[in-house]
Protein backbone atom coordinates (compact mmCIF):
# COMPACT_ATOMS: atom_id res chain seq x y z
CA MET A 1 0.00 0.00 0.00
CA ARG A 2 1.40 3.42 -1.01
CA TYR A 3 0.94 6.18 1.58
CA LEU A 4 2.70 8.97 -0.27
CA SER A 5 1.20 10.40 -3.46
CA LYS A 6 3.34 11.15 -6.50
CA ARG A 7 2.10 14.72 -6.35
CA ALA A 8 3.41 15.15 -2.79
CA VAL A 9 6.81 13.73 -3.78
CA SER A 10 6.98 16.05 -6.78
CA GLU A 11 6.06 19.12 -4.70
CA ILE A 12 8.62 18.29 -1.99
CA ILE A 13 11.32 17.84 -4.63
CA GLY A 14 10.32 21.24 -6.07
CA ILE A 15 10.63 22.84 -2.61
CA LEU A 16 14.11 21.38 -2.15
CA GLU A 17 15.27 22.43 -5.62
CA GLU A 18 14.04 25.99 -5.07
CA SER A 19 15.75 26.04 -1.69
CA GLN A 20 19.03 24.92 -3.28
CA LYS A 21 18.75 27.73 -5.83
CA ASN A 22 18.14 30.27 -3.06
CA VAL A 23 21.16 29.02 -1.14
CA LEU A 24 23.32 29.30 -4.27
CA ARG A 25 22.04 32.82 -4.93
CA ASN A 26 22.79 33.82 -1.34
CA ILE A 27 26.28 32.32 -1.52
CA ASN A 28 26.99 34.25 -4.74
CA HIS A 29 25.64 37.44 -3.18
CA VAL A 30 27.77 37.10 -0.04
CA MET A 31 30.85 36.14 -2.06
CA THR A 32 30.54 39.14 -4.39
CA ASN A 33 30.09 41.57 -1.48
CA THR A 34 33.05 39.98 0.33
CA TYR A 35 35.33 40.37 -2.68
CA TYR A 36 34.25 44.00 -3.05
CA LEU A 37 35.21 44.69 0.57
CA ILE A 38 38.55 42.91 0.13
CA GLY A 39 39.18 45.03 -2.97
CA HIS A 40 38.39 48.18 -0.98
CA ARG A 41 40.79 47.19 1.79
CA ILE A 42 43.59 46.45 -0.71
CA VAL A 43 43.14 49.87 -2.38
CA GLU A 44 43.02 51.57 1.00
CA GLU A 45 46.24 49.84 2.09
CA GLN A 46 48.01 50.63 -1.18
CA GLN A 47 47.13 54.32 -1.04
CA ARG A 48 48.19 54.62 2.55
CA GLY A 49 51.56 53.16 1.62
CA LYS A 50 54.12 54.18 -0.93
CA LYS A 51 53.08 55.42 -4.38
CA ARG A 52 55.53 53.21 -6.27
CA ALA A 53 53.97 50.62 -8.61
CA ASP A 54 56.17 47.82 -7.28
CA TYR A 55 54.81 48.48 -3.78
CA GLY A 56 51.31 47.52 -4.89
CA GLU A 57 52.54 44.37 -6.60
CA LYS A 58 54.52 43.26 -3.53
CA LEU A 59 51.54 43.99 -1.26
CA ILE A 60 49.24 41.74 -3.32
CA LYS A 61 51.88 39.02 -3.54
CA GLU A 62 52.39 39.02 0.23
CA LEU A 63 48.64 39.07 0.89
CA SER A 64 48.12 36.16 -1.51
CA ILE A 65 50.66 34.03 0.36
CA GLU A 66 49.00 34.77 3.71
CA LEU A 67 45.44 34.12 2.54
CA GLN A 68 46.25 30.93 0.62
CA LYS A 69 47.76 29.43 3.76
CA GLN A 70 44.37 29.65 5.44
CA PHE A 71 41.76 29.77 2.65
CA GLY A 72 43.31 27.98 -0.33
CA ARG A 73 43.92 28.74 -4.00
CA GLY A 74 40.95 31.10 -4.43
CA PHE A 75 43.19 33.97 -3.32
CA SER A 76 45.87 33.90 -5.96
CA GLU A 77 47.57 37.16 -6.97
CA ARG A 78 45.44 37.22 -10.10
CA ASN A 79 42.18 36.90 -8.13
CA LEU A 80 43.22 39.54 -5.60
CA GLU A 81 44.06 41.91 -8.44
CA ALA A 82 40.57 41.24 -9.86
CA MET A 83 39.03 42.14 -6.47
CA ARG A 84 41.05 45.37 -6.42
CA GLN A 85 39.88 46.20 -9.94
CA PHE A 86 36.29 45.31 -8.99
CA TYR A 87 36.33 47.89 -6.22
CA LEU A 88 37.98 50.54 -8.40
CA THR A 89 35.36 49.97 -11.12
CA TYR A 90 32.36 50.10 -8.77
CA GLN A 91 33.74 52.20 -5.94
CA ILE A 92 31.35 54.30 -3.91
CA PRO A 93 32.34 57.99 -3.81
CA GLN A 94 33.89 58.14 -0.37
CA THR A 95 37.14 59.22 1.26
CA LEU A 96 39.63 56.49 2.06
CA SER A 97 39.45 57.46 5.72
CA ALA A 98 35.78 56.42 5.86
CA GLU A 99 34.91 53.72 8.34
CA SER A 100 34.83 50.20 6.88
CA LYS A 101 31.36 49.78 8.38
CA LEU A 102 30.05 52.53 6.11
CA ILE A 103 31.58 50.91 3.03
CA ARG A 104 30.19 47.55 4.16
CA ALA A 105 26.69 48.97 4.62
CA LYS A 106 26.66 50.68 1.23
CA ALA A 107 27.89 47.54 -0.52
CA GLN A 108 24.97 45.45 0.73
CA ASN A 109 22.45 44.46 -1.99
CA ARG A 110 24.40 46.48 -4.57
CA PHE A 111 25.65 43.54 -6.59
CA PRO A 112 22.85 41.25 -7.80
CA LEU A 113 25.04 39.17 -10.14
CA SER A 114 27.59 36.47 -9.47
CA TRP A 115 31.30 37.12 -9.06
CA SER A 116 31.90 35.41 -12.41
CA HIS A 117 29.61 37.96 -14.09
CA TYR A 118 31.54 40.86 -12.58
CA ILE A 119 34.85 39.37 -13.71
CA LYS A 120 33.55 39.78 -17.28
CA LEU A 121 32.02 43.22 -16.66
CA ILE A 122 35.10 44.89 -15.14
CA ARG A 123 36.97 44.24 -18.39
CA ILE A 124 34.62 46.63 -20.23
CA GLU A 125 36.15 50.11 -20.20
CA ASN A 126 33.14 52.09 -21.43
CA GLN A 127 30.96 52.82 -18.41
CA GLY A 128 27.72 53.10 -20.39
CA GLU A 129 28.38 49.80 -22.16
CA ARG A 130 29.29 48.07 -18.90
CA LYS A 131 26.12 49.35 -17.18
CA PHE A 132 24.02 48.14 -20.14
CA TYR A 133 25.36 44.57 -19.89
CA GLU A 134 24.92 44.59 -16.12
CA ILE A 135 21.24 45.60 -16.43
CA GLU A 136 20.58 43.08 -19.20
CA SER A 137 22.26 40.25 -17.27
CA LYS A 138 20.08 40.95 -14.26
CA ASN A 139 16.80 41.49 -16.15
CA ASN A 140 17.20 38.44 -18.40
CA ASN A 141 18.93 36.07 -15.97
CA TRP A 142 21.85 35.70 -18.36
CA SER A 143 24.31 32.98 -17.51
CA VAL A 144 28.00 33.94 -17.60
CA ARG A 145 28.25 32.12 -20.91
CA GLU A 146 25.32 34.08 -22.39
CA LEU A 147 26.79 37.36 -21.12
CA GLN A 148 30.08 36.56 -22.84
CA ARG A 149 28.27 35.67 -26.06
CA GLN A 150 26.41 38.99 -26.04
CA ILE A 151 29.62 40.92 -25.38
CA ASP A 152 31.43 39.00 -28.14
CA SER A 153 28.59 39.71 -30.58
CA SER A 154 28.83 43.46 -29.76
CA LEU A 155 25.17 43.68 -28.78
CA TYR A 156 25.61 47.14 -27.26
CA GLU A 157 27.25 48.59 -30.38
CA ARG A 158 24.62 47.01 -32.64
CA LEU A 159 21.79 48.53 -30.63
CA VAL A 160 23.55 51.91 -30.66
CA LEU A 161 23.66 51.74 -34.47
CA SER A 162 19.91 51.07 -34.54
CA ARG A 163 18.88 54.00 -32.33
CA ASP A 164 18.77 57.78 -32.25
CA LYS A 165 20.81 59.76 -29.69
CA LYS A 166 17.98 59.96 -27.17
CA LYS A 167 17.43 56.19 -27.20
CA ILE A 168 21.18 55.52 -26.96
CA LYS A 169 21.34 57.30 -23.60
CA LEU A 170 18.57 55.06 -22.25
CA LEU A 171 20.61 51.90 -22.98
CA SER A 172 22.94 52.54 -20.04
CA LYS A 173 20.07 53.57 -17.75
CA LYS A 174 17.34 51.05 -18.51
CA GLY A 175 18.94 48.44 -20.75
CA HIS A 176 17.23 47.23 -23.92
CA THR A 177 13.66 48.56 -23.66
CA ILE A 178 11.11 47.84 -26.38
CA GLU A 179 8.37 50.43 -26.77
CA THR A 180 8.05 50.63 -30.56
CA PRO A 181 8.70 48.07 -33.35
CA LYS A 182 11.93 49.86 -34.29
CA ASP A 183 13.28 49.26 -30.77
CA ALA A 184 13.30 45.52 -31.50
CA ILE A 185 15.54 45.86 -34.57
CA LYS A 186 19.30 45.27 -34.50
CA GLU A 187 21.86 46.24 -37.12
CA PRO A 188 23.31 43.80 -37.95
CA TYR A 189 21.98 40.51 -36.56
CA VAL A 190 24.75 38.06 -35.70
CA LEU A 191 24.02 34.43 -36.57
CA GLU A 192 27.37 32.78 -35.90
CA PHE A 193 25.62 30.06 -33.84
CA LEU A 194 24.11 28.64 -37.07
CA GLY A 195 27.53 27.27 -38.01
CA LEU A 196 27.15 28.46 -41.63
CA LYS A 197 30.41 29.54 -43.24
CA GLU A 198 30.53 33.12 -44.51
CA GLU A 199 32.16 32.30 -47.84
CA ARG A 200 29.85 29.46 -48.89
CA ILE A 201 26.66 30.05 -50.89
CA TYR A 202 23.56 28.57 -49.25
CA SER A 203 20.00 28.26 -50.42
CA GLU A 204 17.29 30.05 -48.46
CA ASN A 205 15.87 26.64 -47.49
CA GLU A 206 19.22 25.67 -45.93
CA PHE A 207 19.31 29.03 -44.17
CA GLU A 208 15.82 28.51 -42.75
CA ALA A 209 16.54 24.90 -41.71
CA ALA A 210 19.64 26.08 -39.80
CA VAL A 211 17.58 28.74 -38.00
CA ILE A 212 14.92 26.19 -36.96
CA ASP A 213 17.63 23.78 -35.80
CA LYS A 214 19.06 26.52 -33.56
CA LEU A 215 15.73 28.16 -32.72
CA GLU A 216 16.55 28.80 -29.05
CA HIS A 217 19.70 30.70 -30.04
CA PHE A 218 17.82 32.58 -32.76
CA LEU A 219 15.16 33.69 -30.26
CA SER A 220 17.91 34.96 -27.99
CA GLU A 221 19.42 36.96 -30.87
CA LEU A 222 16.01 38.42 -31.79
CA GLY A 223 15.70 39.81 -28.27
CA LYS A 224 13.00 40.23 -25.66
CA GLY A 225 9.46 38.92 -25.83
CA PHE A 226 9.64 36.79 -29.00
CA ILE A 227 7.64 33.55 -29.27
CA PHE A 228 7.94 31.21 -32.25
CA VAL A 229 4.65 30.60 -34.09
CA SER A 230 5.36 28.82 -37.39
CA ARG A 231 7.64 28.33 -40.38
CA GLN A 232 6.66 28.44 -44.08
CA ASN A 233 3.31 29.87 -43.04
CA ARG A 234 0.97 29.69 -46.04
CA ILE A 235 -1.37 32.54 -46.92
CA SER A 236 -3.74 32.22 -49.87
CA PHE A 237 -5.98 34.46 -51.95
CA ASP A 238 -7.20 34.46 -55.58
CA GLU A 239 -6.18 30.79 -55.79
CA ARG A 240 -2.55 31.76 -55.23
CA HIS A 241 -0.37 30.61 -52.33
CA PHE A 242 2.47 32.50 -50.63
CA TYR A 243 4.81 31.27 -47.88
CA ILE A 244 6.21 33.41 -45.08
CA ASP A 245 9.55 32.00 -43.89
CA LEU A 246 9.10 32.55 -40.15
CA VAL A 247 6.29 33.90 -37.99
CA PHE A 248 6.82 35.06 -34.40
CA TYR A 249 4.74 36.88 -31.83
CA ASN A 250 6.17 39.55 -29.54
CA ARG A 251 4.51 39.73 -26.12
CA ILE A 252 5.90 43.19 -25.36
CA LEU A 253 4.78 44.79 -28.62
CA LYS A 254 1.62 42.64 -28.70
CA CYS A 255 1.90 41.95 -32.40
CA PHE A 256 2.92 39.34 -34.97
CA VAL A 257 6.44 39.61 -36.38
CA LEU A 258 7.03 38.16 -39.85
CA ILE A 259 10.59 37.36 -40.95
CA ASP A 260 11.81 36.73 -44.48
CA LEU A 261 15.30 35.29 -44.98
CA LYS A 262 17.28 36.48 -48.01
CA MET A 263 20.67 35.02 -48.88
CA GLY A 264 21.62 37.89 -51.22
CA ASP A 265 21.28 41.66 -51.37
CA LEU A 266 17.93 43.30 -50.66
CA LYS A 267 15.73 44.05 -53.70
CA HIS A 268 12.74 46.35 -53.90
CA GLN A 269 10.57 43.32 -54.71
CA ASP A 270 11.48 41.89 -51.28
CA LEU A 271 10.11 44.99 -49.58
CA GLY A 272 6.94 44.86 -51.68
CA GLN A 273 6.43 41.21 -50.85
CA MET A 274 6.85 41.87 -47.12
CA GLN A 275 4.38 44.75 -47.35
CA MET A 276 1.85 42.30 -48.80
CA TYR A 277 2.48 39.79 -45.98
CA VAL A 278 2.07 42.48 -43.32
CA ASN A 279 -1.15 43.82 -44.92
CA TYR A 280 -2.60 40.30 -45.04
CA TYR A 281 -1.87 39.67 -41.37
CA ASP A 282 -3.27 43.05 -40.33
CA ARG A 283 -6.49 42.51 -42.27
CA LYS A 284 -7.06 38.77 -41.90
CA ILE A 285 -5.16 37.40 -38.88
CA LYS A 286 -4.53 39.88 -36.08
CA LEU A 287 -7.20 40.53 -33.47
CA PRO A 288 -8.67 44.04 -32.99
CA GLU A 289 -6.90 44.46 -29.64
CA GLU A 290 -3.50 43.53 -31.11
CA ASN A 291 -1.06 46.04 -32.62
CA ASN A 292 -0.10 46.21 -36.29
CA THR A 293 2.06 43.44 -37.69
CA VAL A 294 5.81 43.99 -38.07
CA GLY A 295 7.86 42.64 -40.98
CA ILE A 296 11.64 42.10 -40.87
CA ILE A 297 13.72 41.14 -43.90
CA LEU A 298 17.10 39.67 -42.98
CA CYS A 299 19.48 40.12 -45.89
CA LYS A 300 23.17 39.83 -46.71
CA ASP A 301 23.39 43.50 -47.67
CA LYS A 302 21.08 46.41 -48.35
CA SER A 303 20.94 49.89 -49.81
CA GLU A 304 19.59 52.42 -47.31
CA THR A 305 18.45 54.58 -50.21
CA LEU A 306 16.49 51.70 -51.73
CA VAL A 307 14.73 51.07 -48.41
CA GLU A 308 13.97 54.76 -47.90
CA ILE A 309 12.54 55.29 -51.40
CA THR A 310 10.54 52.03 -51.54
CA LEU A 311 8.84 52.33 -48.16
CA PRO A 312 6.41 55.10 -47.10
CA LYS A 313 7.89 58.08 -45.22
CA ASP A 314 5.91 57.26 -42.10
CA ASN A 315 6.80 53.55 -42.21
CA LYS A 316 6.71 51.90 -38.78
CA GLN A 317 6.10 48.30 -39.79
CA ILE A 318 8.62 47.12 -42.39
CA PHE A 319 12.33 46.84 -41.58
CA ALA A 320 15.35 45.47 -43.40
CA SER A 321 18.45 44.50 -41.48
CA LYS A 322 21.75 42.88 -42.43
CA TYR A 323 23.01 39.69 -40.86
CA LYS A 324 26.51 38.33 -40.32
CA MET A 325 27.54 34.68 -40.09
CA ILE A 326 30.65 35.56 -38.08
CA LEU A 327 31.16 37.67 -34.99
CA PRO A 328 31.63 41.30 -36.05
CA SER A 329 34.76 43.29 -35.36
CA LYS A 330 34.22 45.74 -32.51
CA ASN A 331 36.52 48.23 -34.23
CA GLU A 332 34.41 48.03 -37.38
CA LEU A 333 31.21 48.68 -35.41
CA LYS A 334 32.80 51.51 -33.46
CA LYS A 335 33.82 53.20 -36.73
CA LEU A 336 30.21 52.93 -37.94
CA ILE A 337 29.03 54.50 -34.67
CA GLU A 338 31.51 57.36 -35.07
CA ASN A 339 30.30 57.95 -38.63
CA LYS A 340 26.71 57.97 -37.38
CA LYS A 341 27.53 60.75 -34.92
């Protein structure tokens, strides 16, 4: 005779798993705060001592030897230097003579991410860029691996290229916010996770199959709020059939998002075709309470003039954006940003 229901077992397991996650979060929180305080104390000691560079190096070396005797390899010279840099990057405006208790109090609950996240973040020199990745990591529960992927793919620079000056300032204050369809667009999209080589010629069917195979990664690259609906979605009228490559729904924008994949350069016919798809969805598919459909054409290259002349002046629904099969060069993107200014 069984006295314990499967439901009870499942719920108890869930309680334990959630408890383990909370413990891990608390450990990470305490560890990060601890390393910040150690970094503060190292900086304080260095600035009280001699100004010579070799003094700081010898101080860290000596401290590493002492701490490793008692606490193990986690306090290597390299790690202690990272703690020092962590404090210098996120230091609270305060005189060095301030009581440690005040520094300790102000540090509490200031660092929501893990120490491993901050190791990545302190390597970013631009304060606005660093703040952006910190906000996005927290809001989207990015793993350290996902954070590194977004940094490597130059997400910040790509969003800067897609926004006006006013929206750029908000990136370092609020992260990636989506209020209008244009806010969801990146320039370019980076699809290195598809494993397609840049120099090889692929068919659009191969392109689409690769996207579906790596759909989770593709959703991450699209950004916030996207839900996959269908592929090769057929629409029909006048006994003719048309197929939309990919259909998504965005919960934030509350609208359908249609995506067409183009292996070559953008043509005006591509824009006309997407306009037809969007009109069909607006008139036949979307509900009255939903917002207008958005169409995105992903292409190898495009002419801004062609897009501007083909689409209406007040266009807010059709967008064309380039994609890259390899991680972009940060220097290349920074030059584009400078030219934009």
